[in-house]
Amino acid sequence: MTQIKTSLGNSARKKYHHGDLASELLRAAEAELSENGIESFSLRAVAKRAGVSHGAPAHHFTDVRGLLTALTAIGYERFVRAQNHRQQLAKSDPKSQLVASGLGYIDFAMQNPALFRLMFSSEKPDRSNERLAISARSAFDKLVTDAQNIHDADPYHDPIAMMDVMATWALVHGLADLMISGRMEQPMGFTQMAQLERDAAFTDIILRVIPDNADS
């Protein structure tokens, strides 16, 4: 069936391929979240933005929590892809790969601040949802694996190695959160830097929590 592309105002005539409406609603939900924040987020606002009936979001996601849960799960999947992208561009040694993963973490936060806060700071999503739980665990497992490659110890079985994971996570997450809140601008002026300069500064900071004797 051919999709008919119309303006949002022509919602009555808007058609979707089978299964596309859920994806369209998720895109609208992310745009609504980004532009207006979590406090005013509603199914009605998402439906209006997507140009569909008010009942369409509830049909696919049941309620606001269901929609935000699905969006959060997708966020974690994109989050991991952002880290993988950085790693594909980096050197293959464990230290460079861990730093690149951290840079991808910060990239995602800077490019998706509202979604990042939903994923890590909001109580709105249903954390017991299977897809969300799997995607969030995959993101954490990636951090553990990258750290394990550095320390040659399984953090899930070595408490000291897990402390190293927590230190790395706390640092990178803190950098990401400080960047999107604007708290780092006055002391560092990151937004005035070219990307290569900013990456070099972030790399230097991240390396401060990686032991000097880590494999390289």
C-alpha atoms as a PDB file:
ATOM      1  CA  MET A   1       0.000   0.000   0.000  1.00  0.00           C
ATOM      2  CA  THR A   2       1.409   3.373  -0.972  1.00  0.00           C
ATOM      3  CA  GLN A   3       1.943   5.862   1.809  1.00  0.00           C
ATOM      4  CA  ILE A   4       0.249   9.200   1.174  1.00  0.00           C
ATOM      5  CA  LYS A   5       2.348  12.048   2.548  1.00  0.00           C
ATOM      6  CA  THR A   6       0.304  15.039   3.627  1.00  0.00           C
ATOM      7  CA  SER A   7       0.681  17.903   6.060  1.00  0.00           C
ATOM      8  CA  LEU A   8      -0.115  17.329   9.727  1.00  0.00           C
ATOM      9  CA  GLY A   9      -3.301  19.297   9.255  1.00  0.00           C
ATOM     10  CA  ASN A  10      -4.648  16.692   6.826  1.00  0.00           C
ATOM     11  CA  SER A  11      -4.757  13.953   9.446  1.00  0.00           C
ATOM     12  CA  ALA A  12      -7.985  12.476   8.182  1.00  0.00           C
ATOM     13  CA  ARG A  13      -6.341  11.655   4.874  1.00  0.00           C
ATOM     14  CA  LYS A  14      -2.988  10.496   6.250  1.00  0.00           C
ATOM     15  CA  LYS A  15      -2.196   6.864   5.487  1.00  0.00           C
ATOM     16  CA  TYR A  16       0.541   4.570   6.755  1.00  0.00           C
ATOM     17  CA  HIS A  17       2.047   1.299   5.728  1.00  0.00           C
ATOM     18  CA  HIS A  18       1.100  -1.501   8.081  1.00  0.00           C
ATOM     19  CA  GLY A  19       3.173  -1.071  11.242  1.00  0.00           C
ATOM     20  CA  ASP A  20       4.450   2.412  10.365  1.00  0.00           C
ATOM     21  CA  LEU A  21       2.062   4.286  12.653  1.00  0.00           C
ATOM     22  CA  ALA A  22       3.808   3.098  15.821  1.00  0.00           C
ATOM     23  CA  SER A  23       7.146   4.333  14.452  1.00  0.00           C
ATOM     24  CA  GLU A  24       5.580   7.651  13.450  1.00  0.00           C
ATOM     25  CA  LEU A  25       4.131   8.055  16.928  1.00  0.00           C
ATOM     26  CA  LEU A  26       7.526   7.363  18.491  1.00  0.00           C
ATOM     27  CA  ARG A  27       9.136  10.002  16.283  1.00  0.00           C
ATOM     28  CA  ALA A  28       6.412  12.454  17.257  1.00  0.00           C
ATOM     29  CA  ALA A  29       6.854  11.548  20.917  1.00  0.00           C
ATOM     30  CA  GLU A  30      10.568  12.255  20.781  1.00  0.00           C
ATOM     31  CA  ALA A  31       9.977  15.598  19.064  1.00  0.00           C
ATOM     32  CA  GLU A  32       7.323  16.522  21.634  1.00  0.00           C
ATOM     33  CA  LEU A  33       9.613  15.544  24.493  1.00  0.00           C
ATOM     34  CA  SER A  34      12.503  17.510  23.031  1.00  0.00           C
ATOM     35  CA  GLU A  35      10.516  20.667  22.374  1.00  0.00           C
ATOM     36  CA  ASN A  36       8.140  20.799  25.359  1.00  0.00           C
ATOM     37  CA  GLY A  37       9.642  18.580  28.044  1.00  0.00           C
ATOM     38  CA  ILE A  38       8.301  15.757  30.156  1.00  0.00           C
ATOM     39  CA  GLU A  39       5.956  17.827  32.336  1.00  0.00           C
ATOM     40  CA  SER A  40       3.538  18.714  29.541  1.00  0.00           C
ATOM     41  CA  PHE A  41       3.958  15.449  27.636  1.00  0.00           C
ATOM     42  CA  SER A  42       0.642  13.841  26.694  1.00  0.00           C
ATOM     43  CA  LEU A  43      -0.811  11.339  24.249  1.00  0.00           C
ATOM     44  CA  ARG A  44      -3.042  14.064  22.842  1.00  0.00           C
ATOM     45  CA  ALA A  45      -0.051  16.283  22.067  1.00  0.00           C
ATOM     46  CA  VAL A  46       1.777  13.386  20.399  1.00  0.00           C
ATOM     47  CA  ALA A  47      -1.274  12.476  18.329  1.00  0.00           C
ATOM     48  CA  LYS A  48      -1.677  16.069  17.196  1.00  0.00           C
ATOM     49  CA  ARG A  49       1.981  16.282  16.216  1.00  0.00           C
ATOM     50  CA  ALA A  50       1.741  13.016  14.276  1.00  0.00           C
ATOM     51  CA  GLY A  51      -1.487  14.113  12.597  1.00  0.00           C
ATOM     52  CA  VAL A  52      -3.541  11.151  13.772  1.00  0.00           C
ATOM     53  CA  SER A  53      -6.630  10.631  15.915  1.00  0.00           C
ATOM     54  CA  HIS A  54      -6.373  11.182  19.657  1.00  0.00           C
ATOM     55  CA  GLY A  55      -6.952   7.493  20.286  1.00  0.00           C
ATOM     56  CA  ALA A  56      -4.105   6.260  18.075  1.00  0.00           C
ATOM     57  CA  PRO A  57      -1.288   6.451  20.670  1.00  0.00           C
ATOM     58  CA  ALA A  58      -3.369   4.610  23.272  1.00  0.00           C
ATOM     59  CA  HIS A  59      -4.176   1.894  20.730  1.00  0.00           C
ATOM     60  CA  HIS A  60      -0.469   1.214  20.185  1.00  0.00           C
ATOM     61  CA  PHE A  61       1.039   2.020  23.600  1.00  0.00           C
ATOM     62  CA  THR A  62      -1.908   1.933  26.072  1.00  0.00           C
ATOM     63  CA  ASP A  63      -0.950   5.101  27.942  1.00  0.00           C
ATOM     64  CA  VAL A  64       1.696   7.784  28.395  1.00  0.00           C
ATOM     65  CA  ARG A  65       3.893   5.465  30.408  1.00  0.00           C
ATOM     66  CA  GLY A  66       3.755   2.824  27.710  1.00  0.00           C
ATOM     67  CA  LEU A  67       4.777   5.314  25.038  1.00  0.00           C
ATOM     68  CA  LEU A  68       7.626   6.730  27.123  1.00  0.00           C
ATOM     69  CA  THR A  69       8.770   3.208  27.969  1.00  0.00           C
ATOM     70  CA  ALA A  70       8.985   2.273  24.293  1.00  0.00           C
ATOM     71  CA  LEU A  71      10.812   5.509  23.528  1.00  0.00           C
ATOM     72  CA  THR A  72      13.292   4.874  26.349  1.00  0.00           C
ATOM     73  CA  ALA A  73      14.038   1.365  25.076  1.00  0.00           C
ATOM     74  CA  ILE A  74      14.750   2.737  21.609  1.00  0.00           C
ATOM     75  CA  GLY A  75      16.908   5.409  23.213  1.00  0.00           C
ATOM     76  CA  TYR A  76      19.180   2.809  24.803  1.00  0.00           C
ATOM     77  CA  GLU A  77      19.514   0.984  21.486  1.00  0.00           C
ATOM     78  CA  ARG A  78      20.535   4.209  19.744  1.00  0.00           C
ATOM     79  CA  PHE A  79      22.822   5.035  22.651  1.00  0.00           C
ATOM     80  CA  VAL A  80      24.798   1.824  22.129  1.00  0.00           C
ATOM     81  CA  ARG A  81      24.973   2.481  18.383  1.00  0.00           C
ATOM     82  CA  ALA A  82      26.475   5.906  19.076  1.00  0.00           C
ATOM     83  CA  GLN A  83      29.167   4.271  21.191  1.00  0.00           C
ATOM     84  CA  ASN A  84      29.811   1.592  18.577  1.00  0.00           C
ATOM     85  CA  HIS A  85      30.149   4.263  15.903  1.00  0.00           C
ATOM     86  CA  ARG A  86      32.865   6.029  17.871  1.00  0.00           C
ATOM     87  CA  GLN A  87      34.657   2.746  18.468  1.00  0.00           C
ATOM     88  CA  GLN A  88      34.637   1.910  14.771  1.00  0.00           C
ATOM     89  CA  LEU A  89      36.552   5.147  14.153  1.00  0.00           C
ATOM     90  CA  ALA A  90      39.081   4.576  16.940  1.00  0.00           C
ATOM     91  CA  LYS A  91      42.178   2.445  17.319  1.00  0.00           C
ATOM     92  CA  SER A  92      41.522  -1.162  18.245  1.00  0.00           C
ATOM     93  CA  ASP A  93      43.479  -1.322  21.530  1.00  0.00           C
ATOM     94  CA  PRO A  94      41.340  -1.646  24.689  1.00  0.00           C
ATOM     95  CA  LYS A  95      42.202   1.778  26.089  1.00  0.00           C
ATOM     96  CA  SER A  96      41.300   3.585  22.860  1.00  0.00           C
ATOM     97  CA  GLN A  97      38.094   1.575  22.606  1.00  0.00           C
ATOM     98  CA  LEU A  98      37.043   2.477  26.164  1.00  0.00           C
ATOM     99  CA  VAL A  99      37.721   6.164  25.525  1.00  0.00           C
ATOM    100  CA  ALA A 100      35.809   6.016  22.241  1.00  0.00           C
ATOM    101  CA  SER A 101      32.838   4.434  23.994  1.00  0.00           C
ATOM    102  CA  GLY A 102      32.900   7.330  26.447  1.00  0.00           C
ATOM    103  CA  LEU A 103      32.981   9.860  23.630  1.00  0.00           C
ATOM    104  CA  GLY A 104      29.987   8.142  22.041  1.00  0.00           C
ATOM    105  CA  TYR A 105      28.192   8.363  25.387  1.00  0.00           C
ATOM    106  CA  ILE A 106      28.747  12.125  25.462  1.00  0.00           C
ATOM    107  CA  ASP A 107      27.835  12.486  21.769  1.00  0.00           C
ATOM    108  CA  PHE A 108      24.470  10.863  22.381  1.00  0.00           C
ATOM    109  CA  ALA A 109      23.701  13.066  25.373  1.00  0.00           C
ATOM    110  CA  MET A 110      24.601  16.263  23.527  1.00  0.00           C
ATOM    111  CA  GLN A 111      22.549  15.305  20.473  1.00  0.00           C
ATOM    112  CA  ASN A 112      19.549  13.988  22.461  1.00  0.00           C
ATOM    113  CA  PRO A 113      19.424  15.820  25.814  1.00  0.00           C
ATOM    114  CA  ALA A 114      15.719  15.302  26.528  1.00  0.00           C
ATOM    115  CA  LEU A 115      15.848  11.622  25.596  1.00  0.00           C
ATOM    116  CA  PHE A 116      19.034  11.175  27.632  1.00  0.00           C
ATOM    117  CA  ARG A 117      17.318  12.585  30.721  1.00  0.00           C
ATOM    118  CA  LEU A 118      14.289  10.362  30.133  1.00  0.00           C
ATOM    119  CA  MET A 119      16.558   7.319  29.948  1.00  0.00           C
ATOM    120  CA  PHE A 120      18.653   8.037  33.009  1.00  0.00           C
ATOM    121  CA  SER A 121      16.743  10.427  35.274  1.00  0.00           C
ATOM    122  CA  SER A 122      13.007   9.943  34.824  1.00  0.00           C
ATOM    123  CA  GLU A 123      10.689   7.675  36.788  1.00  0.00           C
ATOM    124  CA  LYS A 124       8.102   7.798  34.002  1.00  0.00           C
ATOM    125  CA  PRO A 125       9.251   4.727  32.019  1.00  0.00           C
ATOM    126  CA  ASP A 126       8.351   1.254  33.244  1.00  0.00           C
ATOM    127  CA  ARG A 127      11.775  -0.199  34.054  1.00  0.00           C
ATOM    128  CA  SER A 128      10.277  -3.687  34.423  1.00  0.00           C
ATOM    129  CA  ASN A 129       9.244  -3.724  30.753  1.00  0.00           C
ATOM    130  CA  GLU A 130      11.085  -6.559  29.015  1.00  0.00           C
ATOM    131  CA  ARG A 131      12.344  -4.645  25.985  1.00  0.00           C
ATOM    132  CA  LEU A 132      13.469  -1.710  28.105  1.00  0.00           C
ATOM    133  CA  ALA A 133      15.168  -3.983  30.630  1.00  0.00           C
ATOM    134  CA  ILE A 134      17.025  -5.803  27.856  1.00  0.00           C
ATOM    135  CA  SER A 135      18.154  -2.644  26.076  1.00  0.00           C
ATOM    136  CA  ALA A 136      19.275  -0.963  29.311  1.00  0.00           C
ATOM    137  CA  ARG A 137      21.139  -4.089  30.412  1.00  0.00           C
ATOM    138  CA  SER A 138      22.835  -4.303  27.007  1.00  0.00           C
ATOM    139  CA  ALA A 139      24.094  -0.745  27.447  1.00  0.00           C
ATOM    140  CA  PHE A 140      25.511  -1.564  30.871  1.00  0.00           C
ATOM    141  CA  ASP A 141      26.978  -4.860  29.662  1.00  0.00           C
ATOM    142  CA  LYS A 142      28.819  -2.923  26.975  1.00  0.00           C
ATOM    143  CA  LEU A 143      30.457  -0.733  29.605  1.00  0.00           C
ATOM    144  CA  VAL A 144      31.400  -3.819  31.607  1.00  0.00           C
ATOM    145  CA  THR A 145      32.889  -5.532  28.549  1.00  0.00           C
ATOM    146  CA  ASP A 146      34.905  -2.473  27.551  1.00  0.00           C
ATOM    147  CA  ALA A 147      36.250  -2.178  31.103  1.00  0.00           C
ATOM    148  CA  GLN A 148      36.975  -5.907  31.275  1.00  0.00           C
ATOM    149  CA  ASN A 149      39.111  -5.614  28.153  1.00  0.00           C
ATOM    150  CA  ILE A 150      41.155  -2.995  29.986  1.00  0.00           C
ATOM    151  CA  HIS A 151      41.573  -4.745  33.330  1.00  0.00           C
ATOM    152  CA  ASP A 152      41.510  -8.405  32.238  1.00  0.00           C
ATOM    153  CA  ALA A 153      39.058  -9.204  35.025  1.00  0.00           C
ATOM    154  CA  ASP A 154      35.319  -9.884  34.944  1.00  0.00           C
ATOM    155  CA  PRO A 155      33.612  -7.062  36.867  1.00  0.00           C
ATOM    156  CA  TYR A 156      30.630  -9.318  37.547  1.00  0.00           C
ATOM    157  CA  HIS A 157      32.938 -11.576  39.570  1.00  0.00           C
ATOM    158  CA  ASP A 158      35.640  -9.170  40.692  1.00  0.00           C
ATOM    159  CA  PRO A 159      34.490  -6.363  43.053  1.00  0.00           C
ATOM    160  CA  ILE A 160      37.605  -4.287  42.389  1.00  0.00           C
ATOM    161  CA  ALA A 161      37.008  -4.441  38.636  1.00  0.00           C
ATOM    162  CA  MET A 162      33.367  -3.426  39.185  1.00  0.00           C
ATOM    163  CA  MET A 163      34.552  -0.411  41.181  1.00  0.00           C
ATOM    164  CA  ASP A 164      36.634   0.571  38.147  1.00  0.00           C
ATOM    165  CA  VAL A 165      33.505   0.240  35.992  1.00  0.00           C
ATOM    166  CA  MET A 166      31.595   2.492  38.381  1.00  0.00           C
ATOM    167  CA  ALA A 167      34.379   5.073  38.359  1.00  0.00           C
ATOM    168  CA  THR A 168      34.429   5.161  34.551  1.00  0.00           C
ATOM    169  CA  TRP A 169      30.636   5.312  34.327  1.00  0.00           C
ATOM    170  CA  ALA A 170      30.377   8.044  36.937  1.00  0.00           C
ATOM    171  CA  LEU A 171      32.966  10.171  35.161  1.00  0.00           C
ATOM    172  CA  VAL A 172      31.555   9.826  31.638  1.00  0.00           C
ATOM    173  CA  HIS A 173      27.942  10.184  32.743  1.00  0.00           C
ATOM    174  CA  GLY A 174      28.901  13.200  34.805  1.00  0.00           C
ATOM    175  CA  LEU A 175      30.600  14.803  31.811  1.00  0.00           C
ATOM    176  CA  ALA A 176      27.545  14.131  29.644  1.00  0.00           C
ATOM    177  CA  ASP A 177      25.149  15.534  32.226  1.00  0.00           C
ATOM    178  CA  LEU A 178      27.278  18.610  32.871  1.00  0.00           C
ATOM    179  CA  MET A 179      27.502  19.286  29.155  1.00  0.00           C
ATOM    180  CA  ILE A 180      23.771  19.178  28.480  1.00  0.00           C
ATOM    181  CA  SER A 181      23.029  21.264  31.567  1.00  0.00           C
ATOM    182  CA  GLY A 182      25.534  23.912  30.470  1.00  0.00           C
ATOM    183  CA  ARG A 183      27.485  23.616  33.715  1.00  0.00           C
ATOM    184  CA  MET A 184      30.809  23.059  31.958  1.00  0.00           C
ATOM    185  CA  GLU A 185      30.605  26.053  29.689  1.00  0.00           C
ATOM    186  CA  GLN A 186      31.958  28.716  32.004  1.00  0.00           C
ATOM    187  CA  PRO A 187      34.986  26.788  33.284  1.00  0.00           C
ATOM    188  CA  MET A 188      35.861  25.018  30.026  1.00  0.00           C
ATOM    189  CA  GLY A 189      34.125  26.730  27.099  1.00  0.00           C
ATOM    190  CA  PHE A 190      33.487  23.419  25.356  1.00  0.00           C
ATOM    191  CA  THR A 191      30.837  24.754  22.970  1.00  0.00           C
ATOM    192  CA  GLN A 192      33.374  27.217  21.580  1.00  0.00           C
ATOM    193  CA  MET A 193      35.799  24.430  20.688  1.00  0.00           C
ATOM    194  CA  ALA A 194      36.036  22.619  17.381  1.00  0.00           C
ATOM    195  CA  GLN A 195      35.007  18.978  17.689  1.00  0.00           C
ATOM    196  CA  LEU A 196      38.561  17.636  17.484  1.00  0.00           C
ATOM    197  CA  GLU A 197      39.662  19.970  20.261  1.00  0.00           C
ATOM    198  CA  ARG A 198      36.668  19.044  22.406  1.00  0.00           C
ATOM    199  CA  ASP A 199      37.274  15.325  21.798  1.00  0.00           C
ATOM    200  CA  ALA A 200      40.899  15.735  22.847  1.00  0.00           C
ATOM    201  CA  ALA A 201      39.844  17.463  26.073  1.00  0.00           C
ATOM    202  CA  PHE A 202      37.245  14.796  26.883  1.00  0.00           C
ATOM    203  CA  THR A 203      39.787  12.073  26.083  1.00  0.00           C
ATOM    204  CA  ASP A 204      42.283  13.592  28.501  1.00  0.00           C
ATOM    205  CA  ILE A 205      39.641  13.697  31.242  1.00  0.00           C
ATOM    206  CA  ILE A 206      38.479  10.111  30.641  1.00  0.00           C
ATOM    207  CA  LEU A 207      42.047   8.805  30.665  1.00  0.00           C
ATOM    208  CA  ARG A 208      42.409  10.106  34.214  1.00  0.00           C
ATOM    209  CA  VAL A 209      40.298   7.204  35.505  1.00  0.00           C
ATOM    210  CA  ILE A 210      42.088   4.572  33.407  1.00  0.00           C
ATOM    211  CA  PRO A 211      45.167   3.163  35.174  1.00  0.00           C
ATOM    212  CA  ASP A 212      48.497   3.963  33.560  1.00  0.00           C
ATOM    213  CA  ASN A 213      49.312   0.263  33.453  1.00  0.00           C
ATOM    214  CA  ALA A 214      46.083  -0.618  31.582  1.00  0.00           C
ATOM    215  CA  ASP A 215      46.575  -2.622  28.415  1.00  0.00           C
ATOM    216  CA  SER A 216      47.132  -0.429  25.372  1.00  0.00           C
END
